Amino acid sequence: MKDKITTSQFYDEIDYFLAEQALNELKEVGLITEEEKAEIHQLNLEKFNPYLKDLLV
């Protein structure tokens, strides 16, 4: 039987995805450095705790 994710986890996944998209855009247009992107990415992993984070790191 597969594990089911909760509604809260589902929304965390969406929020994580959107935060990472915004982060990539900020880097792409030069508003943040690669180091800042890496730091914020780590904070996103901690805050949103995505269900599949082991595949994302």
Foldseek 3Di string as FASTA:
>chain_A
DDDDDDPLLVVLQVVLVVVLVVLVVCVVVPVDDPVVSVVVNVVSCVPSVHPPVVVVD
